Each structure stands twice: as structure tokens, then as C-alpha cells.
Amino acid sequence: NRLSKSDVDYHQLTIDSLKVMSDWYHFAILNLANIDNVKADGRWISSVLGISHTEANLALERLQRLSLIEVTDGKLIRTETRIRTTDGVASSEIRNLHRSLLEKAISSLDEVDVSKRDISSMVMAVNPDQFEAGKSKIKKFRRDMSDTLEVGNSKEVYALTISLIPLSEVGK
């Protein structure tokens, strides 16, 4: 299974890393590092992400131990710009991560104003012979969306599951 050029730009997490960071907020914290005025402070992170102070502190410690972030002068700094999980490998950690993000999307239907989220679905008849080609297009789409949305002055952390939902409330 050869890596494409776009895959080479991504740091692949090991299953061992995913075992300790399968909760959605680990990835949200990584992305908070791209936001102006971010604070490497458990209380600030817990208020922005709506998680407990303990969860925030433990996640910060894990991400530092895994060398995915550094804390310098009270600021979060990502050591890897882009991160990816394994493709096509069944893992309870990846399933738990996806499940937690889908649960966030479901709760956002009632809790987040429609102007700050996008959740869409499509039902279609599918030719199974085209399934792998479809997965490749979805992967490319996700990477293109990342390239589009991560330009300029980032202010919030979102998840894309083809639900684009806020995970942070930095500007509250």
C-alpha cells in the first residue's frame, strides 16, 4: 500500500498513540494550537471545549508525552502540522473517535445555530465496483477542505464528518 504524495505530508499516528488519544478533544486541542491567543492552560481549554479541567490537563500531558505538542511561554505549539490515522485498518480506537465526533454532530443539531454548522446527507444507489474510487474522492475532498479552511487566521476548531460542526467556543 504505497503512500500518495499528499499522504507523505501527514504524520501517521500509531495505534498505540490512538489508544491514549481516541477522545475527540485530543484532536481539538491539537487544532487549538493554530488559533490566535490560545492558552496552554487546562482551565482555558476546558472552558473553550466544554470538557472537564481534569480531561483538559490529562489530554495536554498525553499530547506532550506523544511529542505532538510543546508548550512554550504558555502557548501550544504543534510539532506535526498534519496528522492522519491508518487507512483501512479496523481499530476500536478509531471507531471510538468517529463515534464521539458523530455524537458531537448529533448534539449540535439542537445546540448549535444553523449558521455555525453544516450537516448534510445524501441517499443514492451505488455500484459496488466504484466504491474504492468513491473512497479516494472522499479522502481527496477532506484534504482539499483542510487546505481551504486552514488558510489565514484560524479562530475555531471544527470537525468534518460531512458534518461541519464547531468543537470550540473560543469567541464566547
C-alpha atoms as a PDB file:
ATOM      1  CA  ASN A   1       0.000   0.000   0.000  1.00  0.00           C
ATOM      2  CA  ARG A   2       2.010   2.967  -1.288  1.00  0.00           C
ATOM      3  CA  LEU A   3       1.573   6.421   0.171  1.00  0.00           C
ATOM      4  CA  SER A   4       0.471   9.168  -2.187  1.00  0.00           C
ATOM      5  CA  LYS A   5       2.322  12.484  -2.226  1.00  0.00           C
ATOM      6  CA  SER A   6      -0.442  14.029  -0.105  1.00  0.00           C
ATOM      7  CA  ASP A   7      -0.106  11.194   2.444  1.00  0.00           C
ATOM      8  CA  VAL A   8       3.590  11.974   2.885  1.00  0.00           C
ATOM      9  CA  ASP A   9       2.636  15.448   4.166  1.00  0.00           C
ATOM     10  CA  TYR A  10       0.764  13.818   7.063  1.00  0.00           C
ATOM     11  CA  HIS A  11       2.296  12.325  10.217  1.00  0.00           C
ATOM     12  CA  GLN A  12       0.706   8.894  10.697  1.00  0.00           C
ATOM     13  CA  LEU A  13      -0.326   8.117  14.246  1.00  0.00           C
ATOM     14  CA  THR A  14       0.408   4.665  15.573  1.00  0.00           C
ATOM     15  CA  ILE A  15      -2.332   2.507  17.060  1.00  0.00           C
ATOM     16  CA  ASP A  16      -0.546   2.902  20.423  1.00  0.00           C
ATOM     17  CA  SER A  17      -0.872   6.703  20.136  1.00  0.00           C
ATOM     18  CA  LEU A  18      -4.547   6.369  19.249  1.00  0.00           C
ATOM     19  CA  LYS A  19      -5.130   4.184  22.312  1.00  0.00           C
ATOM     20  CA  VAL A  20      -4.337   7.129  24.568  1.00  0.00           C
ATOM     21  CA  MET A  21      -5.949   9.862  22.455  1.00  0.00           C
ATOM     22  CA  SER A  22      -9.140   8.364  21.000  1.00  0.00           C
ATOM     23  CA  ASP A  23     -11.343  11.028  22.630  1.00  0.00           C
ATOM     24  CA  TRP A  24     -12.290  13.818  20.196  1.00  0.00           C
ATOM     25  CA  TYR A  25     -10.878  16.579  22.394  1.00  0.00           C
ATOM     26  CA  HIS A  26      -7.266  15.452  21.853  1.00  0.00           C
ATOM     27  CA  PHE A  27      -7.594  16.370  18.175  1.00  0.00           C
ATOM     28  CA  ALA A  28      -9.428  19.569  19.079  1.00  0.00           C
ATOM     29  CA  ILE A  29      -6.572  20.589  21.398  1.00  0.00           C
ATOM     30  CA  LEU A  30      -4.051  19.904  18.634  1.00  0.00           C
ATOM     31  CA  ASN A  31      -6.004  22.271  16.412  1.00  0.00           C
ATOM     32  CA  LEU A  32      -6.432  24.914  19.081  1.00  0.00           C
ATOM     33  CA  ALA A  33      -2.669  25.397  18.669  1.00  0.00           C
ATOM     34  CA  ASN A  34      -3.472  27.020  15.292  1.00  0.00           C
ATOM     35  CA  ILE A  35      -5.701  29.677  16.857  1.00  0.00           C
ATOM     36  CA  ASP A  36      -4.522  33.125  17.895  1.00  0.00           C
ATOM     37  CA  ASN A  37      -4.341  33.781  21.631  1.00  0.00           C
ATOM     38  CA  VAL A  38      -4.525  30.094  22.516  1.00  0.00           C
ATOM     39  CA  LYS A  39      -3.530  29.323  26.087  1.00  0.00           C
ATOM     40  CA  ALA A  40      -1.774  26.137  27.172  1.00  0.00           C
ATOM     41  CA  ASP A  41      -3.927  26.146  30.260  1.00  0.00           C
ATOM     42  CA  GLY A  42      -6.272  23.342  31.282  1.00  0.00           C
ATOM     43  CA  ARG A  43      -8.911  25.720  32.637  1.00  0.00           C
ATOM     44  CA  TRP A  44      -8.973  27.794  29.439  1.00  0.00           C
ATOM     45  CA  ILE A  45      -9.079  24.670  27.239  1.00  0.00           C
ATOM     46  CA  SER A  46     -11.848  23.113  29.357  1.00  0.00           C
ATOM     47  CA  SER A  47     -13.985  26.258  29.010  1.00  0.00           C
ATOM     48  CA  VAL A  48     -13.385  26.507  25.252  1.00  0.00           C
ATOM     49  CA  LEU A  49     -14.090  22.827  24.518  1.00  0.00           C
ATOM     50  CA  GLY A  50     -16.703  22.174  27.193  1.00  0.00           C
ATOM     51  CA  ILE A  51     -14.709  19.362  28.834  1.00  0.00           C
ATOM     52  CA  SER A  52     -13.612  18.984  32.433  1.00  0.00           C
ATOM     53  CA  HIS A  53     -10.467  20.654  33.742  1.00  0.00           C
ATOM     54  CA  THR A  54      -9.048  17.193  34.527  1.00  0.00           C
ATOM     55  CA  GLU A  55      -9.744  15.929  30.976  1.00  0.00           C
ATOM     56  CA  ALA A  56      -8.025  19.010  29.546  1.00  0.00           C
ATOM     57  CA  ASN A  57      -4.944  18.647  31.752  1.00  0.00           C
ATOM     58  CA  LEU A  58      -4.600  14.908  31.107  1.00  0.00           C
ATOM     59  CA  ALA A  59      -5.001  15.431  27.355  1.00  0.00           C
ATOM     60  CA  LEU A  60      -2.325  18.158  27.386  1.00  0.00           C
ATOM     61  CA  GLU A  61       0.034  15.814  29.231  1.00  0.00           C
ATOM     62  CA  ARG A  62      -0.665  12.955  26.773  1.00  0.00           C
ATOM     63  CA  LEU A  63      -0.126  15.132  23.708  1.00  0.00           C
ATOM     64  CA  GLN A  64       3.168  16.383  25.123  1.00  0.00           C
ATOM     65  CA  ARG A  65       4.278  12.857  26.047  1.00  0.00           C
ATOM     66  CA  LEU A  66       3.494  11.750  22.463  1.00  0.00           C
ATOM     67  CA  SER A  67       5.542  14.732  21.195  1.00  0.00           C
ATOM     68  CA  LEU A  68       2.565  16.085  19.236  1.00  0.00           C
ATOM     69  CA  ILE A  69       2.592  19.437  21.048  1.00  0.00           C
ATOM     70  CA  GLU A  70       5.030  21.522  23.010  1.00  0.00           C
ATOM     71  CA  VAL A  71       4.260  24.250  25.497  1.00  0.00           C
ATOM     72  CA  THR A  72       6.455  27.331  25.137  1.00  0.00           C
ATOM     73  CA  ASP A  73       5.822  30.581  27.032  1.00  0.00           C
ATOM     74  CA  GLY A  74       2.277  29.426  27.859  1.00  0.00           C
ATOM     75  CA  LYS A  75       1.456  28.750  24.178  1.00  0.00           C
ATOM     76  CA  LEU A  76       0.576  25.452  22.494  1.00  0.00           C
ATOM     77  CA  ILE A  77       2.822  24.585  19.562  1.00  0.00           C
ATOM     78  CA  ARG A  78       2.121  21.639  17.273  1.00  0.00           C
ATOM     79  CA  THR A  79       5.155  19.568  16.416  1.00  0.00           C
ATOM     80  CA  GLU A  80       3.375  17.909  13.473  1.00  0.00           C
ATOM     81  CA  THR A  81       1.369  20.112  11.120  1.00  0.00           C
ATOM     82  CA  ARG A  82      -0.933  17.390   9.817  1.00  0.00           C
ATOM     83  CA  ILE A  83      -1.861  14.066  11.387  1.00  0.00           C
ATOM     84  CA  ARG A  84      -3.573  11.008   9.948  1.00  0.00           C
ATOM     85  CA  THR A  85      -4.780   7.687  11.262  1.00  0.00           C
ATOM     86  CA  THR A  86      -4.380   4.360   9.498  1.00  0.00           C
ATOM     87  CA  ASP A  87      -6.421   3.679   6.353  1.00  0.00           C
ATOM     88  CA  GLY A  88      -8.457   0.515   6.096  1.00  0.00           C
ATOM     89  CA  VAL A  89      -7.361  -0.900   9.460  1.00  0.00           C
ATOM     90  CA  ALA A  90     -10.098  -1.881  11.902  1.00  0.00           C
ATOM     91  CA  SER A  91      -9.416  -0.372  15.306  1.00  0.00           C
ATOM     92  CA  SER A  92     -11.625   0.154  18.341  1.00  0.00           C
ATOM     93  CA  GLU A  93      -9.744   3.421  18.974  1.00  0.00           C
ATOM     94  CA  ILE A  94     -10.609   4.824  15.534  1.00  0.00           C
ATOM     95  CA  ARG A  95     -14.207   3.612  15.916  1.00  0.00           C
ATOM     96  CA  ASN A  96     -14.435   5.364  19.305  1.00  0.00           C
ATOM     97  CA  LEU A  97     -13.016   8.578  17.834  1.00  0.00           C
ATOM     98  CA  HIS A  98     -15.532   8.546  14.954  1.00  0.00           C
ATOM     99  CA  ARG A  99     -18.380   7.642  17.332  1.00  0.00           C
ATOM    100  CA  SER A 100     -17.561  10.553  19.635  1.00  0.00           C
ATOM    101  CA  LEU A 101     -17.422  13.010  16.704  1.00  0.00           C
ATOM    102  CA  LEU A 102     -20.715  11.710  15.326  1.00  0.00           C
ATOM    103  CA  GLU A 103     -22.267  12.146  18.796  1.00  0.00           C
ATOM    104  CA  LYS A 104     -20.997  15.748  18.790  1.00  0.00           C
ATOM    105  CA  ALA A 105     -22.636  16.240  15.368  1.00  0.00           C
ATOM    106  CA  ILE A 106     -25.940  14.826  16.649  1.00  0.00           C
ATOM    107  CA  SER A 107     -25.950  17.091  19.701  1.00  0.00           C
ATOM    108  CA  SER A 108     -25.052  20.093  17.516  1.00  0.00           C
ATOM    109  CA  LEU A 109     -28.389  19.690  15.691  1.00  0.00           C
ATOM    110  CA  ASP A 110     -30.130  21.066  18.787  1.00  0.00           C
ATOM    111  CA  GLU A 111     -27.328  23.056  20.431  1.00  0.00           C
ATOM    112  CA  VAL A 112     -25.584  24.956  17.604  1.00  0.00           C
ATOM    113  CA  ASP A 113     -27.157  27.678  15.486  1.00  0.00           C
ATOM    114  CA  VAL A 114     -27.557  26.560  11.859  1.00  0.00           C
ATOM    115  CA  SER A 115     -25.374  29.497  10.746  1.00  0.00           C
ATOM    116  CA  LYS A 116     -22.394  27.919  12.553  1.00  0.00           C
ATOM    117  CA  ARG A 117     -22.738  24.327  11.339  1.00  0.00           C
ATOM    118  CA  ASP A 118     -23.413  22.334   8.194  1.00  0.00           C
ATOM    119  CA  ILE A 119     -24.815  18.824   8.358  1.00  0.00           C
ATOM    120  CA  SER A 120     -25.845  17.198   5.109  1.00  0.00           C
ATOM    121  CA  SER A 121     -26.713  13.742   3.878  1.00  0.00           C
ATOM    122  CA  MET A 122     -27.325  12.101   0.541  1.00  0.00           C
ATOM    123  CA  VAL A 123     -29.038   8.813  -0.251  1.00  0.00           C
ATOM    124  CA  MET A 124     -28.102   7.125  -3.536  1.00  0.00           C
ATOM    125  CA  ALA A 125     -27.974   3.824  -5.406  1.00  0.00           C
ATOM    126  CA  VAL A 126     -24.326   2.690  -5.635  1.00  0.00           C
ATOM    127  CA  ASN A 127     -22.305   0.451  -7.946  1.00  0.00           C
ATOM    128  CA  PRO A 128     -20.067  -1.573  -5.564  1.00  0.00           C
ATOM    129  CA  ASP A 129     -17.345  -1.697  -8.239  1.00  0.00           C
ATOM    130  CA  GLN A 130     -16.985   2.088  -7.819  1.00  0.00           C
ATOM    131  CA  PHE A 131     -16.704   2.017  -4.018  1.00  0.00           C
ATOM    132  CA  GLU A 132     -12.891   2.351  -3.808  1.00  0.00           C
ATOM    133  CA  ALA A 133     -12.954   5.213  -6.318  1.00  0.00           C
ATOM    134  CA  GLY A 134     -15.585   6.912  -4.157  1.00  0.00           C
ATOM    135  CA  LYS A 135     -13.460   6.486  -1.010  1.00  0.00           C
ATOM    136  CA  SER A 136     -10.488   8.032  -2.822  1.00  0.00           C
ATOM    137  CA  LYS A 137     -12.587  11.059  -3.813  1.00  0.00           C
ATOM    138  CA  ILE A 138     -13.801  11.473  -0.231  1.00  0.00           C
ATOM    139  CA  LYS A 139     -10.197  11.369   1.036  1.00  0.00           C
ATOM    140  CA  LYS A 140      -9.169  13.974  -1.553  1.00  0.00           C
ATOM    141  CA  PHE A 141     -12.193  16.109  -0.632  1.00  0.00           C
ATOM    142  CA  ARG A 142     -11.250  16.010   3.074  1.00  0.00           C
ATOM    143  CA  ARG A 143      -7.689  17.067   2.284  1.00  0.00           C
ATOM    144  CA  ASP A 144      -8.908  19.819  -0.079  1.00  0.00           C
ATOM    145  CA  MET A 145     -11.286  21.077   2.635  1.00  0.00           C
ATOM    146  CA  SER A 146      -8.414  21.156   5.113  1.00  0.00           C
ATOM    147  CA  ASP A 147      -6.310  23.151   2.646  1.00  0.00           C
ATOM    148  CA  THR A 148      -9.210  25.576   2.080  1.00  0.00           C
ATOM    149  CA  LEU A 149     -10.360  26.108   5.669  1.00  0.00           C
ATOM    150  CA  GLU A 150      -6.961  26.201   7.418  1.00  0.00           C
ATOM    151  CA  VAL A 151      -5.767  29.268   5.485  1.00  0.00           C
ATOM    152  CA  GLY A 152      -5.308  32.585   7.226  1.00  0.00           C
ATOM    153  CA  ASN A 153      -6.356  33.480  10.742  1.00  0.00           C
ATOM    154  CA  SER A 154      -7.936  30.381  12.340  1.00  0.00           C
ATOM    155  CA  LYS A 155     -10.304  31.178  15.216  1.00  0.00           C
ATOM    156  CA  GLU A 156     -12.263  27.973  15.960  1.00  0.00           C
ATOM    157  CA  VAL A 157     -11.820  24.181  15.800  1.00  0.00           C
ATOM    158  CA  TYR A 158     -14.329  22.196  13.682  1.00  0.00           C
ATOM    159  CA  ALA A 159     -14.820  18.524  12.790  1.00  0.00           C
ATOM    160  CA  LEU A 160     -15.754  17.318   9.295  1.00  0.00           C
ATOM    161  CA  THR A 161     -17.685  14.036   9.134  1.00  0.00           C
ATOM    162  CA  ILE A 162     -19.738  15.511   6.464  1.00  0.00           C
ATOM    163  CA  SER A 163     -20.991  17.445   9.291  1.00  0.00           C
ATOM    164  CA  LEU A 164     -19.026  20.611   9.763  1.00  0.00           C
ATOM    165  CA  ILE A 165     -19.570  21.432  13.428  1.00  0.00           C
ATOM    166  CA  PRO A 166     -17.821  23.653  15.957  1.00  0.00           C
ATOM    167  CA  LEU A 167     -15.870  21.842  18.671  1.00  0.00           C
ATOM    168  CA  SER A 168     -14.655  25.017  20.359  1.00  0.00           C
ATOM    169  CA  GLU A 169     -16.162  28.257  21.550  1.00  0.00           C
ATOM    170  CA  VAL A 170     -13.113  30.474  21.626  1.00  0.00           C
ATOM    171  CA  GLY A 171     -15.014  33.656  20.895  1.00  0.00           C
ATOM    172  CA  LYS A 172     -17.717  33.307  23.552  1.00  0.00           C
END
